[in-house]
Amino acid sequence: MTPPDAVPPAADATCDGGDLDCGSGLLLIIRSAMAPLPPGGVLLVKSREASVREDLPAWCRMVGHTLCAEQDADGGYRHYWLRKKADDSALGKDLQAAREHVWQTRVRWAGGMLAKAGVRNHALAVGQPASFDTEDQAPSAIEYLLTALGGALVTGLQWRLSRRGIEVRHLEAVVKGRAEGILTFLGVEQDGHPGLSTLSVTVYADADAEPQVLDDVFAETLRRCPITQTLARGIAASVQLKCT
């Protein structure tokens, strides 16, 4: 247990996790920032996530680093000073494992025009690929696609703003897509492309920052967002049918 009145040592490096929790990549950020430090070096970790207060000390005890001190700070932050025990020889392997991680969902037909998807410990209902009916049992697949884009931008932007200590009061994204040939999907027309031809996103932000700062952080969010970059680049997809 870290003494509540412990005097923080001088930090050799600093990393800011913002609102990220330990299970969502914060530990990789901490380990990467700590890697260049010699044994005994001190890393100052800044975090606004409440769960880090319990999870970070537990991680330090598990791996052998020393939590020298922790203090509340301005902007909803809590600061943690970690003294490095030794070189993290497993970091390279863990970073490679993160690079190669595959996200997976399993989707089962549930009767009619409804499917049920399992994603980690979440269950999702998925309606038709595309639908005009407001009374559907579940959102259509194309609406999940738009939602994924909007959700990635809103949460990604909030996290990056939190790393700069910028207070966010409201964030909202309106995502719209128009199909190039929806009648092709329905089989009414034989030619044409059923995919989206246009996609527009408007993000509304109310935060304690100048517009130019928000623009810069938003540009970084777009550049680093796995969803926007996938849609912008396109990917090599392998899709096959296996009969059972």
C-alpha atoms as a PDB file:
ATOM      1  CA  MET A   1       0.000   0.000   0.000  1.00  0.00           C
ATOM      2  CA  THR A   2       1.366   3.420  -0.957  1.00  0.00           C
ATOM      3  CA  PRO A   3       1.629   5.807   2.028  1.00  0.00           C
ATOM      4  CA  PRO A   4      -0.941   8.595   1.560  1.00  0.00           C
ATOM      5  CA  ASP A   5       1.646  11.225   2.457  1.00  0.00           C
ATOM      6  CA  ALA A   6       4.433   9.819   0.274  1.00  0.00           C
ATOM      7  CA  VAL A   7       6.500  12.545  -1.387  1.00  0.00           C
ATOM      8  CA  PRO A   8       6.527  12.047  -5.167  1.00  0.00           C
ATOM      9  CA  PRO A   9      10.005  11.463  -6.614  1.00  0.00           C
ATOM     10  CA  ALA A  10      11.243  13.348  -9.645  1.00  0.00           C
ATOM     11  CA  ALA A  11       9.853  11.772 -12.801  1.00  0.00           C
ATOM     12  CA  ASP A  12      12.111  10.733 -15.668  1.00  0.00           C
ATOM     13  CA  ALA A  13       9.184  10.458 -18.108  1.00  0.00           C
ATOM     14  CA  THR A  14       5.439  11.083 -18.222  1.00  0.00           C
ATOM     15  CA  CYS A  15       2.499   9.411 -19.914  1.00  0.00           C
ATOM     16  CA  ASP A  16      -1.127  10.516 -19.969  1.00  0.00           C
ATOM     17  CA  GLY A  17      -3.834   7.864 -20.157  1.00  0.00           C
ATOM     18  CA  GLY A  18      -6.772  10.250 -20.022  1.00  0.00           C
ATOM     19  CA  ASP A  19      -9.974   8.244 -19.462  1.00  0.00           C
ATOM     20  CA  LEU A  20      -8.499   4.934 -20.663  1.00  0.00           C
ATOM     21  CA  ASP A  21      -8.730   2.051 -18.187  1.00  0.00           C
ATOM     22  CA  CYS A  22      -6.130  -0.643 -17.585  1.00  0.00           C
ATOM     23  CA  GLY A  23      -8.012  -3.246 -19.590  1.00  0.00           C
ATOM     24  CA  SER A  24      -8.354  -1.031 -22.673  1.00  0.00           C
ATOM     25  CA  GLY A  25      -4.700  -0.482 -23.484  1.00  0.00           C
ATOM     26  CA  LEU A  26      -3.458   1.791 -20.687  1.00  0.00           C
ATOM     27  CA  LEU A  27      -0.976  -0.831 -19.458  1.00  0.00           C
ATOM     28  CA  LEU A  28       0.570  -1.100 -22.923  1.00  0.00           C
ATOM     29  CA  ILE A  29       0.931   2.691 -23.013  1.00  0.00           C
ATOM     30  CA  ILE A  30       2.550   2.663 -19.568  1.00  0.00           C
ATOM     31  CA  ARG A  31       4.914  -0.186 -20.447  1.00  0.00           C
ATOM     32  CA  SER A  32       5.920   1.480 -23.715  1.00  0.00           C
ATOM     33  CA  ALA A  33       6.657   4.758 -21.904  1.00  0.00           C
ATOM     34  CA  MET A  34       8.617   2.887 -19.232  1.00  0.00           C
ATOM     35  CA  ALA A  35      10.658   0.791 -21.676  1.00  0.00           C
ATOM     36  CA  PRO A  36      13.381   3.426 -22.383  1.00  0.00           C
ATOM     37  CA  LEU A  37      13.920   4.072 -18.654  1.00  0.00           C
ATOM     38  CA  PRO A  38      16.717   2.305 -16.785  1.00  0.00           C
ATOM     39  CA  PRO A  39      15.874   0.127 -13.773  1.00  0.00           C
ATOM     40  CA  GLY A  40      15.012   2.505 -10.951  1.00  0.00           C
ATOM     41  CA  GLY A  41      13.688   5.146 -13.346  1.00  0.00           C
ATOM     42  CA  VAL A  42      10.420   6.858 -12.459  1.00  0.00           C
ATOM     43  CA  LEU A  43       7.407   7.213 -14.721  1.00  0.00           C
ATOM     44  CA  LEU A  44       4.635   9.681 -13.910  1.00  0.00           C
ATOM     45  CA  VAL A  45       1.278   8.287 -15.048  1.00  0.00           C
ATOM     46  CA  LYS A  46      -1.633  10.709 -15.360  1.00  0.00           C
ATOM     47  CA  SER A  47      -5.142   9.264 -15.406  1.00  0.00           C
ATOM     48  CA  ARG A  48      -8.730  10.444 -15.140  1.00  0.00           C
ATOM     49  CA  GLU A  49     -10.225   6.931 -14.960  1.00  0.00           C
ATOM     50  CA  ALA A  50     -11.450   6.010 -11.457  1.00  0.00           C
ATOM     51  CA  SER A  51     -10.823   2.274 -11.841  1.00  0.00           C
ATOM     52  CA  VAL A  52      -7.084   2.890 -12.364  1.00  0.00           C
ATOM     53  CA  ARG A  53      -6.832   3.791  -8.676  1.00  0.00           C
ATOM     54  CA  GLU A  54      -7.372   0.123  -7.789  1.00  0.00           C
ATOM     55  CA  ASP A  55      -6.087  -1.633 -10.900  1.00  0.00           C
ATOM     56  CA  LEU A  56      -2.722   0.100 -11.271  1.00  0.00           C
ATOM     57  CA  PRO A  57      -1.431  -0.683  -7.742  1.00  0.00           C
ATOM     58  CA  ALA A  58      -2.516  -4.301  -8.206  1.00  0.00           C
ATOM     59  CA  TRP A  59      -0.626  -4.491 -11.512  1.00  0.00           C
ATOM     60  CA  CYS A  60       2.491  -2.970  -9.940  1.00  0.00           C
ATOM     61  CA  ARG A  61       2.432  -5.565  -7.159  1.00  0.00           C
ATOM     62  CA  MET A  62       2.006  -8.342  -9.716  1.00  0.00           C
ATOM     63  CA  VAL A  63       4.883  -7.333 -12.009  1.00  0.00           C
ATOM     64  CA  GLY A  64       7.231  -5.911  -9.377  1.00  0.00           C
ATOM     65  CA  HIS A  65       7.251  -2.178 -10.121  1.00  0.00           C
ATOM     66  CA  THR A  66       6.959   0.169  -7.148  1.00  0.00           C
ATOM     67  CA  LEU A  67       4.108   2.626  -6.804  1.00  0.00           C
ATOM     68  CA  CYS A  68       6.009   5.373  -4.992  1.00  0.00           C
ATOM     69  CA  ALA A  69       3.236   7.922  -4.597  1.00  0.00           C
ATOM     70  CA  GLU A  70      -0.145   8.990  -5.890  1.00  0.00           C
ATOM     71  CA  GLN A  71      -1.976  12.289  -5.649  1.00  0.00           C
ATOM     72  CA  ASP A  72      -5.104  13.971  -6.934  1.00  0.00           C
ATOM     73  CA  ALA A  73      -4.459  16.676  -9.511  1.00  0.00           C
ATOM     74  CA  ASP A  74      -6.381  19.339 -11.400  1.00  0.00           C
ATOM     75  CA  GLY A  75      -8.889  18.505 -14.125  1.00  0.00           C
ATOM     76  CA  GLY A  76     -10.153  15.305 -12.508  1.00  0.00           C
ATOM     77  CA  TYR A  77      -6.732  13.677 -12.779  1.00  0.00           C
ATOM     78  CA  ARG A  78      -4.902  11.440 -10.382  1.00  0.00           C
ATOM     79  CA  HIS A  79      -1.131  11.143 -10.726  1.00  0.00           C
ATOM     80  CA  TYR A  80       0.854   7.966 -10.049  1.00  0.00           C
ATOM     81  CA  TRP A  81       4.641   7.731  -9.744  1.00  0.00           C
ATOM     82  CA  LEU A  82       5.967   4.291 -10.733  1.00  0.00           C
ATOM     83  CA  ARG A  83       9.550   3.177 -10.152  1.00  0.00           C
ATOM     84  CA  LYS A  84      10.714   0.662 -12.712  1.00  0.00           C
ATOM     85  CA  LYS A  85      11.933  -2.646 -11.303  1.00  0.00           C
ATOM     86  CA  ALA A  86      13.750  -4.003 -14.335  1.00  0.00           C
ATOM     87  CA  ASP A  87      13.608  -4.180 -18.096  1.00  0.00           C
ATOM     88  CA  ASP A  88      10.289  -5.435 -19.436  1.00  0.00           C
ATOM     89  CA  SER A  89      11.548  -8.250 -21.629  1.00  0.00           C
ATOM     90  CA  ALA A  90       8.034  -9.367 -22.562  1.00  0.00           C
ATOM     91  CA  LEU A  91       6.960  -5.967 -23.906  1.00  0.00           C
ATOM     92  CA  GLY A  92       7.979  -6.694 -27.491  1.00  0.00           C
ATOM     93  CA  LYS A  93       5.938  -9.900 -27.545  1.00  0.00           C
ATOM     94  CA  ASP A  94       2.923  -8.222 -25.973  1.00  0.00           C
ATOM     95  CA  LEU A  95       3.035  -5.318 -28.423  1.00  0.00           C
ATOM     96  CA  GLN A  96       3.203  -7.806 -31.287  1.00  0.00           C
ATOM     97  CA  ALA A  97       0.261  -9.710 -29.797  1.00  0.00           C
ATOM     98  CA  ALA A  98      -1.720  -6.458 -29.704  1.00  0.00           C
ATOM     99  CA  ARG A  99      -0.825  -5.775 -33.353  1.00  0.00           C
ATOM    100  CA  GLU A 100      -2.038  -9.243 -34.327  1.00  0.00           C
ATOM    101  CA  HIS A 101      -5.165  -9.313 -32.166  1.00  0.00           C
ATOM    102  CA  VAL A 102      -8.277 -10.386 -34.066  1.00  0.00           C
ATOM    103  CA  TRP A 103     -11.676  -9.116 -32.962  1.00  0.00           C
ATOM    104  CA  GLN A 104     -14.421 -11.640 -33.518  1.00  0.00           C
ATOM    105  CA  THR A 105     -18.187 -11.849 -33.465  1.00  0.00           C
ATOM    106  CA  ARG A 106     -20.401 -14.892 -33.946  1.00  0.00           C
ATOM    107  CA  VAL A 107     -23.750 -14.254 -35.601  1.00  0.00           C
ATOM    108  CA  ARG A 108     -26.588 -16.804 -35.669  1.00  0.00           C
ATOM    109  CA  TRP A 109     -29.815 -16.633 -37.617  1.00  0.00           C
ATOM    110  CA  ALA A 110     -32.681 -16.281 -35.110  1.00  0.00           C
ATOM    111  CA  GLY A 111     -35.628 -16.783 -37.454  1.00  0.00           C
ATOM    112  CA  GLY A 112     -37.281 -14.501 -39.955  1.00  0.00           C
ATOM    113  CA  MET A 113     -35.180 -11.432 -40.680  1.00  0.00           C
ATOM    114  CA  LEU A 114     -33.425 -11.427 -37.316  1.00  0.00           C
ATOM    115  CA  ALA A 115     -29.956 -12.520 -36.225  1.00  0.00           C
ATOM    116  CA  LYS A 116     -28.294 -12.637 -32.814  1.00  0.00           C
ATOM    117  CA  ALA A 117     -24.653 -11.720 -32.450  1.00  0.00           C
ATOM    118  CA  GLY A 118     -22.285 -12.552 -29.620  1.00  0.00           C
ATOM    119  CA  VAL A 119     -19.349 -10.186 -29.090  1.00  0.00           C
ATOM    120  CA  ARG A 120     -17.178 -10.979 -26.058  1.00  0.00           C
ATOM    121  CA  ASN A 121     -19.724 -10.822 -23.192  1.00  0.00           C
ATOM    122  CA  HIS A 122     -22.283  -8.806 -25.179  1.00  0.00           C
ATOM    123  CA  ALA A 123     -25.362  -9.981 -27.062  1.00  0.00           C
ATOM    124  CA  LEU A 124     -26.647  -7.905 -29.973  1.00  0.00           C
ATOM    125  CA  ALA A 125     -29.763  -8.214 -32.107  1.00  0.00           C
ATOM    126  CA  VAL A 126     -29.234  -7.499 -35.807  1.00  0.00           C
ATOM    127  CA  GLY A 127     -32.075  -6.903 -38.234  1.00  0.00           C
ATOM    128  CA  GLN A 128     -32.070  -6.964 -42.016  1.00  0.00           C
ATOM    129  CA  PRO A 129     -29.014  -5.854 -44.004  1.00  0.00           C
ATOM    130  CA  ALA A 130     -30.939  -2.678 -44.854  1.00  0.00           C
ATOM    131  CA  SER A 131     -34.502  -1.719 -44.006  1.00  0.00           C
ATOM    132  CA  PHE A 132     -36.941   1.163 -44.343  1.00  0.00           C
ATOM    133  CA  ASP A 133     -39.294  -0.079 -41.611  1.00  0.00           C
ATOM    134  CA  THR A 134     -39.273   1.880 -38.353  1.00  0.00           C
ATOM    135  CA  GLU A 135     -41.000  -1.031 -36.588  1.00  0.00           C
ATOM    136  CA  ASP A 136     -38.174  -3.550 -37.101  1.00  0.00           C
ATOM    137  CA  GLN A 137     -37.213  -5.757 -34.169  1.00  0.00           C
ATOM    138  CA  ALA A 138     -33.610  -4.606 -34.297  1.00  0.00           C
ATOM    139  CA  PRO A 139     -31.370  -2.103 -36.093  1.00  0.00           C
ATOM    140  CA  SER A 140     -30.337  -3.110 -39.577  1.00  0.00           C
ATOM    141  CA  ALA A 141     -26.797  -4.193 -40.314  1.00  0.00           C
ATOM    142  CA  ILE A 142     -26.087  -0.990 -42.214  1.00  0.00           C
ATOM    143  CA  GLU A 143     -27.242   1.030 -39.208  1.00  0.00           C
ATOM    144  CA  TYR A 144     -24.744  -0.863 -37.040  1.00  0.00           C
ATOM    145  CA  LEU A 145     -22.060   0.132 -39.531  1.00  0.00           C
ATOM    146  CA  LEU A 146     -22.992   3.801 -39.211  1.00  0.00           C
ATOM    147  CA  THR A 147     -23.247   3.462 -35.443  1.00  0.00           C
ATOM    148  CA  ALA A 148     -19.792   1.885 -35.252  1.00  0.00           C
ATOM    149  CA  LEU A 149     -18.337   4.852 -37.116  1.00  0.00           C
ATOM    150  CA  GLY A 150     -20.102   7.439 -34.969  1.00  0.00           C
ATOM    151  CA  GLY A 151     -19.286   5.620 -31.750  1.00  0.00           C
ATOM    152  CA  ALA A 152     -15.624   5.280 -32.633  1.00  0.00           C
ATOM    153  CA  LEU A 153     -15.326   8.991 -33.377  1.00  0.00           C
ATOM    154  CA  VAL A 154     -17.190  10.202 -30.287  1.00  0.00           C
ATOM    155  CA  THR A 155     -15.369   7.970 -27.808  1.00  0.00           C
ATOM    156  CA  GLY A 156     -12.028   8.361 -29.571  1.00  0.00           C
ATOM    157  CA  LEU A 157     -12.302  12.158 -29.594  1.00  0.00           C
ATOM    158  CA  GLN A 158     -13.334  12.257 -25.936  1.00  0.00           C
ATOM    159  CA  TRP A 159     -10.372  10.109 -24.928  1.00  0.00           C
ATOM    160  CA  ARG A 160      -7.862  12.236 -26.808  1.00  0.00           C
ATOM    161  CA  LEU A 161      -9.344  15.415 -25.340  1.00  0.00           C
ATOM    162  CA  SER A 162      -9.154  13.881 -21.866  1.00  0.00           C
ATOM    163  CA  ARG A 163      -5.420  13.268 -22.363  1.00  0.00           C
ATOM    164  CA  ARG A 164      -5.005  17.016 -22.798  1.00  0.00           C
ATOM    165  CA  GLY A 165      -7.050  17.742 -19.686  1.00  0.00           C
ATOM    166  CA  ILE A 166      -9.856  19.263 -21.762  1.00  0.00           C
ATOM    167  CA  GLU A 167     -13.255  19.040 -20.097  1.00  0.00           C
ATOM    168  CA  VAL A 168     -15.995  17.767 -22.405  1.00  0.00           C
ATOM    169  CA  ARG A 169     -19.602  18.737 -21.727  1.00  0.00           C
ATOM    170  CA  HIS A 170     -21.251  17.215 -24.791  1.00  0.00           C
ATOM    171  CA  LEU A 171     -20.240  15.131 -27.791  1.00  0.00           C
ATOM    172  CA  GLU A 172     -22.590  13.861 -30.458  1.00  0.00           C
ATOM    173  CA  ALA A 173     -22.140  12.457 -33.942  1.00  0.00           C
ATOM    174  CA  VAL A 174     -24.743  12.382 -36.701  1.00  0.00           C
ATOM    175  CA  VAL A 175     -23.812   9.782 -39.321  1.00  0.00           C
ATOM    176  CA  LYS A 176     -25.676   9.465 -42.620  1.00  0.00           C
ATOM    177  CA  GLY A 177     -25.172   7.054 -45.490  1.00  0.00           C
ATOM    178  CA  ARG A 178     -26.802   6.723 -48.889  1.00  0.00           C
ATOM    179  CA  ALA A 179     -26.735   3.459 -50.837  1.00  0.00           C
ATOM    180  CA  GLU A 180     -25.641   3.587 -54.442  1.00  0.00           C
ATOM    181  CA  GLY A 181     -28.077   0.902 -55.527  1.00  0.00           C
ATOM    182  CA  ILE A 182     -30.381  -0.289 -52.751  1.00  0.00           C
ATOM    183  CA  LEU A 183     -32.736  -1.744 -55.375  1.00  0.00           C
ATOM    184  CA  THR A 184     -29.902  -4.052 -56.385  1.00  0.00           C
ATOM    185  CA  PHE A 185     -29.852  -5.466 -52.876  1.00  0.00           C
ATOM    186  CA  LEU A 186     -33.616  -5.992 -53.028  1.00  0.00           C
ATOM    187  CA  GLY A 187     -33.340  -7.752 -56.371  1.00  0.00           C
ATOM    188  CA  VAL A 188     -35.558  -5.197 -58.078  1.00  0.00           C
ATOM    189  CA  GLU A 189     -32.663  -4.180 -60.303  1.00  0.00           C
ATOM    190  CA  GLN A 190     -29.987  -6.521 -61.610  1.00  0.00           C
ATOM    191  CA  ASP A 191     -27.155  -4.067 -62.153  1.00  0.00           C
ATOM    192  CA  GLY A 192     -25.645  -1.555 -59.791  1.00  0.00           C
ATOM    193  CA  HIS A 193     -23.669  -1.488 -56.572  1.00  0.00           C
ATOM    194  CA  PRO A 194     -25.590  -2.103 -53.317  1.00  0.00           C
ATOM    195  CA  GLY A 195     -22.964  -0.487 -51.106  1.00  0.00           C
ATOM    196  CA  LEU A 196     -22.875   3.032 -49.748  1.00  0.00           C
ATOM    197  CA  SER A 197     -22.033   5.727 -52.258  1.00  0.00           C
ATOM    198  CA  THR A 198     -21.898   8.632 -49.803  1.00  0.00           C
ATOM    199  CA  LEU A 199     -21.129   8.831 -46.128  1.00  0.00           C
ATOM    200  CA  SER A 200     -21.302  12.000 -44.059  1.00  0.00           C
ATOM    201  CA  VAL A 201     -20.442  12.549 -40.419  1.00  0.00           C
ATOM    202  CA  THR A 202     -21.034  15.678 -38.372  1.00  0.00           C
ATOM    203  CA  VAL A 203     -19.623  15.773 -34.857  1.00  0.00           C
ATOM    204  CA  TYR A 204     -20.961  18.349 -32.422  1.00  0.00           C
ATOM    205  CA  ALA A 205     -18.591  19.176 -29.568  1.00  0.00           C
ATOM    206  CA  ASP A 206     -18.964  21.374 -26.515  1.00  0.00           C
ATOM    207  CA  ALA A 207     -15.660  21.436 -24.666  1.00  0.00           C
ATOM    208  CA  ASP A 208     -13.314  23.806 -22.853  1.00  0.00           C
ATOM    209  CA  ALA A 209     -10.953  24.380 -25.766  1.00  0.00           C
ATOM    210  CA  GLU A 210     -10.440  26.789 -28.626  1.00  0.00           C
ATOM    211  CA  PRO A 211     -11.888  25.703 -31.996  1.00  0.00           C
ATOM    212  CA  GLN A 212      -8.402  25.265 -33.484  1.00  0.00           C
ATOM    213  CA  VAL A 213      -7.424  22.918 -30.664  1.00  0.00           C
ATOM    214  CA  LEU A 214     -10.586  20.882 -31.183  1.00  0.00           C
ATOM    215  CA  ASP A 215      -9.891  20.752 -34.928  1.00  0.00           C
ATOM    216  CA  ASP A 216      -6.369  19.482 -34.320  1.00  0.00           C
ATOM    217  CA  VAL A 217      -7.482  16.778 -31.874  1.00  0.00           C
ATOM    218  CA  PHE A 218     -10.320  15.754 -34.187  1.00  0.00           C
ATOM    219  CA  ALA A 219      -7.889  15.438 -37.099  1.00  0.00           C
ATOM    220  CA  GLU A 220      -5.687  13.182 -34.971  1.00  0.00           C
ATOM    221  CA  THR A 221      -8.764  11.149 -33.967  1.00  0.00           C
ATOM    222  CA  LEU A 222      -9.656  10.597 -37.618  1.00  0.00           C
ATOM    223  CA  ARG A 223      -6.094   9.673 -38.510  1.00  0.00           C
ATOM    224  CA  ARG A 224      -5.814   7.100 -35.734  1.00  0.00           C
ATOM    225  CA  CYS A 225      -9.367   5.704 -35.784  1.00  0.00           C
ATOM    226  CA  PRO A 226      -9.472   2.046 -36.934  1.00  0.00           C
ATOM    227  CA  ILE A 227     -13.013   2.467 -38.285  1.00  0.00           C
ATOM    228  CA  THR A 228     -12.518   5.614 -40.369  1.00  0.00           C
ATOM    229  CA  GLN A 229      -9.208   4.370 -41.721  1.00  0.00           C
ATOM    230  CA  THR A 230     -10.700   0.995 -42.661  1.00  0.00           C
ATOM    231  CA  LEU A 231     -13.535   2.657 -44.557  1.00  0.00           C
ATOM    232  CA  ALA A 232     -11.183   5.125 -46.238  1.00  0.00           C
ATOM    233  CA  ARG A 233      -8.639   2.536 -47.348  1.00  0.00           C
ATOM    234  CA  GLY A 234     -10.674  -0.576 -47.931  1.00  0.00           C
ATOM    235  CA  ILE A 235      -9.346  -4.007 -46.988  1.00  0.00           C
ATOM    236  CA  ALA A 236      -8.710  -7.401 -48.477  1.00  0.00           C
ATOM    237  CA  ALA A 237     -11.732  -9.447 -47.393  1.00  0.00           C
ATOM    238  CA  SER A 238     -12.103 -13.217 -47.427  1.00  0.00           C
ATOM    239  CA  VAL A 239     -15.744 -14.354 -47.405  1.00  0.00           C
ATOM    240  CA  GLN A 240     -16.740 -17.989 -47.912  1.00  0.00           C
ATOM    241  CA  LEU A 241     -19.656 -20.366 -47.377  1.00  0.00           C
ATOM    242  CA  LYS A 242     -19.185 -23.688 -45.599  1.00  0.00           C
ATOM    243  CA  CYS A 243     -22.085 -26.131 -45.686  1.00  0.00           C
ATOM    244  CA  THR A 244     -22.789 -28.084 -42.493  1.00  0.00           C
END
